[in-house]
Amino acid sequence: MPDYMYGKLSEESQMADAELHDPPRPGAFYAARIDDRWERVQCVRASKIDKSAFCVYLIDVGAFHYVRADALRRLNAKTPFRKMLMFKCKVANIVPVGGQDIWNRESHEAVREFFEASLGETVMVTPIPNGCGVWKQLNAPAVPFVTANISCCGRDLADWLISHRLAIPGSN
C-alpha cells in the first residue's frame, strides 16, 4: 500500500469512532497497530494462549501476527481500505533476471517508481487466459490471484522492466 494511504489509515485509525465496541470477528477486516504502524489485517482467530489477543493476517504484507483487541480498529466504510489491493498479481510473460523466483529489492523499487510516476492515472490490469486463481500460503486466508499484463500511461510494465534490465522474457 502506498505511503500516503498508510498515512490516511493511521489518521482514521486514531479517531474515536474507529474503536471497537465488540470483540473482533474471525474473517472480518480491521486496522491493527503493529510495530508502530497501522496495517490492514484480517482477523483469523482468537489466540489459544492469550484470550485477549487475536491472530491476524497482514493483508498487505503477507504475514501473521498476534495483537490484543485494543490494538484493533474498525476500517472506515467510506474509504477504499476494505477493497483496495486485496488481490495478488503476477506480471505476465517475464521473470526476474537470472530466472530465479524471487524479485530483488531493486526490482521492487523500480515497480514502485513506475506507479508513482503515473500517480492518479488509470492502471490497466488485463488478465491473461487461464490466469486467474487463488493464492494461498500456509493457513493464511486465500486471496484472489491473477497473472496479467499491466500498463499505465501507455507503458507496459513488463516491457519497462525488461528495458531497465530487471526482467527477462519468460513464460507463466
Protein backbone atom coordinates (compact mmCIF):
# COMPACT_ATOMS: atom_id res chain seq x y z
CA MET A 1 0.00 0.00 0.00
CA PRO A 2 1.45 3.44 -0.85
CA ASP A 3 2.76 5.63 1.99
CA TYR A 4 0.03 8.24 1.53
CA MET A 5 -2.58 5.51 2.10
CA TYR A 6 -0.75 4.33 5.23
CA GLY A 7 -0.95 7.94 6.42
CA LYS A 8 -4.69 8.05 5.81
CA LEU A 9 -5.16 4.67 7.53
CA SER A 10 -3.18 5.94 10.53
CA GLU A 11 -5.25 9.12 10.70
CA GLU A 12 -8.56 7.26 10.55
CA SER A 13 -7.46 4.56 13.00
CA GLN A 14 -6.73 7.16 15.67
CA MET A 15 -10.25 8.62 15.54
CA ALA A 16 -12.54 7.80 18.46
CA ASP A 17 -15.26 6.30 16.23
CA ALA A 18 -12.79 3.69 14.93
CA GLU A 19 -12.52 1.98 18.33
CA LEU A 20 -14.10 -1.45 18.61
CA HIS A 21 -17.11 -1.92 20.86
CA ASP A 22 -17.46 -5.66 20.21
CA PRO A 23 -14.87 -8.44 20.15
CA PRO A 24 -13.09 -8.91 16.79
CA ARG A 25 -14.78 -11.46 14.49
CA PRO A 26 -12.80 -14.07 12.57
CA GLY A 27 -12.89 -13.25 8.85
CA ALA A 28 -13.53 -9.53 9.39
CA PHE A 29 -11.11 -6.81 8.27
CA TYR A 30 -9.60 -4.26 10.66
CA ALA A 31 -6.68 -1.89 11.10
CA ALA A 32 -4.08 -3.06 13.64
CA ARG A 33 -1.21 -1.20 15.29
CA ILE A 34 1.85 -3.38 14.62
CA ASP A 35 5.43 -2.21 15.18
CA ASP A 36 4.40 1.47 15.35
CA ARG A 37 2.48 1.32 12.06
CA TRP A 38 -1.19 0.80 11.24
CA GLU A 39 -1.71 -2.20 8.94
CA ARG A 40 -4.79 -3.65 7.28
CA VAL A 41 -5.46 -7.07 8.75
CA GLN A 42 -7.95 -9.89 8.60
CA CYS A 43 -8.82 -11.49 11.92
CA VAL A 44 -8.07 -15.21 11.72
CA ARG A 45 -8.98 -16.41 15.23
CA ALA A 46 -8.67 -15.74 18.93
CA SER A 47 -5.35 -16.73 20.45
CA LYS A 48 -5.35 -20.16 22.07
CA ILE A 49 -2.89 -18.96 24.72
CA ASP A 50 -3.91 -15.36 25.48
CA LYS A 51 -7.68 -14.85 25.40
CA SER A 52 -7.29 -11.08 24.94
CA ALA A 53 -5.17 -11.49 21.79
CA PHE A 54 -6.06 -12.39 18.22
CA CYS A 55 -4.15 -13.94 15.35
CA VAL A 56 -4.39 -11.60 12.37
CA TYR A 57 -3.15 -11.80 8.79
CA LEU A 58 -1.49 -8.64 7.46
CA ILE A 59 -3.05 -8.46 4.02
CA ASP A 60 -0.53 -6.01 2.52
CA VAL A 61 2.49 -7.78 3.98
CA GLY A 62 1.50 -11.44 3.75
CA ALA A 63 2.38 -12.37 7.32
CA PHE A 64 0.70 -13.40 10.56
CA HIS A 65 0.88 -11.51 13.84
CA TYR A 66 -0.81 -11.58 17.24
CA VAL A 67 -2.41 -8.39 18.56
CA ARG A 68 -4.60 -7.51 21.52
CA ALA A 69 -8.14 -6.38 20.81
CA ASP A 70 -7.33 -2.84 22.00
CA ALA A 71 -4.80 -2.55 19.13
CA LEU A 72 -7.52 -3.21 16.52
CA ARG A 73 -9.71 -0.55 14.90
CA ARG A 74 -12.68 -0.61 12.54
CA LEU A 75 -12.00 0.29 8.92
CA ASN A 76 -13.90 3.34 7.71
CA ALA A 77 -16.64 2.18 5.32
CA LYS A 78 -16.32 5.43 3.29
CA THR A 79 -12.69 4.86 2.29
CA PRO A 80 -11.35 2.12 0.00
CA PHE A 81 -9.40 0.24 2.67
CA ARG A 82 -11.68 -2.81 2.58
CA LYS A 83 -11.36 -3.36 -1.17
CA MET A 84 -8.14 -1.71 -2.32
CA LEU A 85 -5.25 -4.02 -3.25
CA MET A 86 -6.89 -7.17 -2.00
CA PHE A 87 -5.57 -9.37 -4.76
CA LYS A 88 -2.16 -10.66 -5.74
CA CYS A 89 -0.96 -10.03 -9.25
CA LYS A 90 1.88 -11.55 -11.26
CA VAL A 91 3.19 -9.64 -14.27
CA ALA A 92 2.70 -11.83 -17.35
CA ASN A 93 5.47 -13.03 -19.63
CA ILE A 94 8.51 -12.00 -17.56
CA VAL A 95 10.75 -13.48 -14.89
CA PRO A 96 13.45 -11.85 -12.75
CA VAL A 97 16.90 -11.51 -14.30
CA GLY A 98 18.68 -14.81 -13.73
CA GLY A 99 15.41 -16.72 -13.93
CA GLN A 100 15.02 -17.10 -10.18
CA ASP A 101 11.61 -16.98 -8.49
CA ILE A 102 12.38 -14.02 -6.22
CA TRP A 103 12.42 -10.38 -7.31
CA ASN A 104 15.27 -8.35 -5.82
CA ARG A 105 14.90 -5.07 -3.92
CA GLU A 106 15.95 -3.04 -6.98
CA SER A 107 13.05 -4.55 -8.95
CA HIS A 108 10.58 -3.72 -6.18
CA GLU A 109 11.82 -0.14 -6.11
CA ALA A 110 11.51 0.10 -9.90
CA VAL A 111 7.89 -1.09 -9.81
CA ARG A 112 7.13 1.48 -7.10
CA GLU A 113 8.72 4.20 -9.25
CA PHE A 114 6.74 3.02 -12.30
CA PHE A 115 3.45 3.54 -10.47
CA GLU A 116 4.47 6.70 -8.60
CA ALA A 117 5.42 8.34 -11.91
CA SER A 118 1.82 7.93 -13.05
CA LEU A 119 0.08 8.63 -9.76
CA GLY A 120 -3.61 9.29 -10.31
CA GLU A 121 -3.67 7.70 -13.76
CA THR A 122 -5.64 4.58 -14.63
CA VAL A 123 -3.74 1.32 -14.29
CA MET A 124 -4.87 -1.30 -16.80
CA VAL A 125 -4.76 -4.89 -15.49
CA THR A 126 -5.60 -7.33 -18.30
CA PRO A 127 -5.69 -10.95 -17.11
CA ILE A 128 -4.19 -13.50 -19.48
CA PRO A 129 -6.35 -16.50 -20.45
CA ASN A 130 -6.49 -19.01 -17.58
CA GLY A 131 -4.53 -16.55 -15.45
CA CYS A 132 -6.96 -16.30 -12.55
CA GLY A 133 -6.87 -18.36 -9.40
CA VAL A 134 -6.39 -18.19 -5.66
CA TRP A 135 -3.15 -17.51 -3.80
CA LYS A 136 -2.81 -19.46 -0.58
CA GLN A 137 0.12 -19.54 1.81
CA LEU A 138 0.14 -21.86 4.81
CA ASN A 139 -3.10 -21.21 6.68
CA ALA A 140 -3.48 -17.61 5.54
CA PRO A 141 -6.83 -16.50 4.16
CA ALA A 142 -6.93 -17.17 0.41
CA VAL A 143 -6.87 -14.10 -1.80
CA PRO A 144 -7.63 -13.75 -5.50
CA PHE A 145 -4.59 -14.15 -7.74
CA VAL A 146 -4.23 -13.07 -11.34
CA THR A 147 -1.47 -13.24 -13.94
CA ALA A 148 -1.92 -10.18 -16.12
CA ASN A 149 -0.49 -7.62 -18.50
CA ILE A 150 -0.19 -4.35 -16.59
CA SER A 151 0.11 -0.94 -18.19
CA CYS A 152 -0.26 2.69 -17.26
CA CYS A 153 0.06 5.90 -19.29
CA GLY A 154 0.70 3.84 -22.42
CA ARG A 155 3.65 2.00 -20.87
CA ASP A 156 3.66 -1.77 -20.37
CA LEU A 157 5.19 -2.76 -17.02
CA ALA A 158 6.81 -5.95 -18.36
CA ASP A 159 8.45 -4.11 -21.28
CA TRP A 160 9.56 -1.35 -18.93
CA LEU A 161 11.20 -3.83 -16.50
CA ILE A 162 12.93 -5.59 -19.41
CA SER A 163 14.22 -2.25 -20.77
CA HIS A 164 15.67 -1.48 -17.32
CA ARG A 165 17.38 -4.91 -17.28
CA LEU A 166 15.40 -6.03 -14.22
CA ALA A 167 13.46 -8.78 -16.01
CA ILE A 168 13.80 -11.11 -18.96
CA PRO A 169 11.08 -12.55 -21.18
CA GLY A 170 9.65 -15.73 -19.71
CA SER A 171 6.50 -17.80 -19.66
CA ASN A 172 3.95 -18.00 -16.88
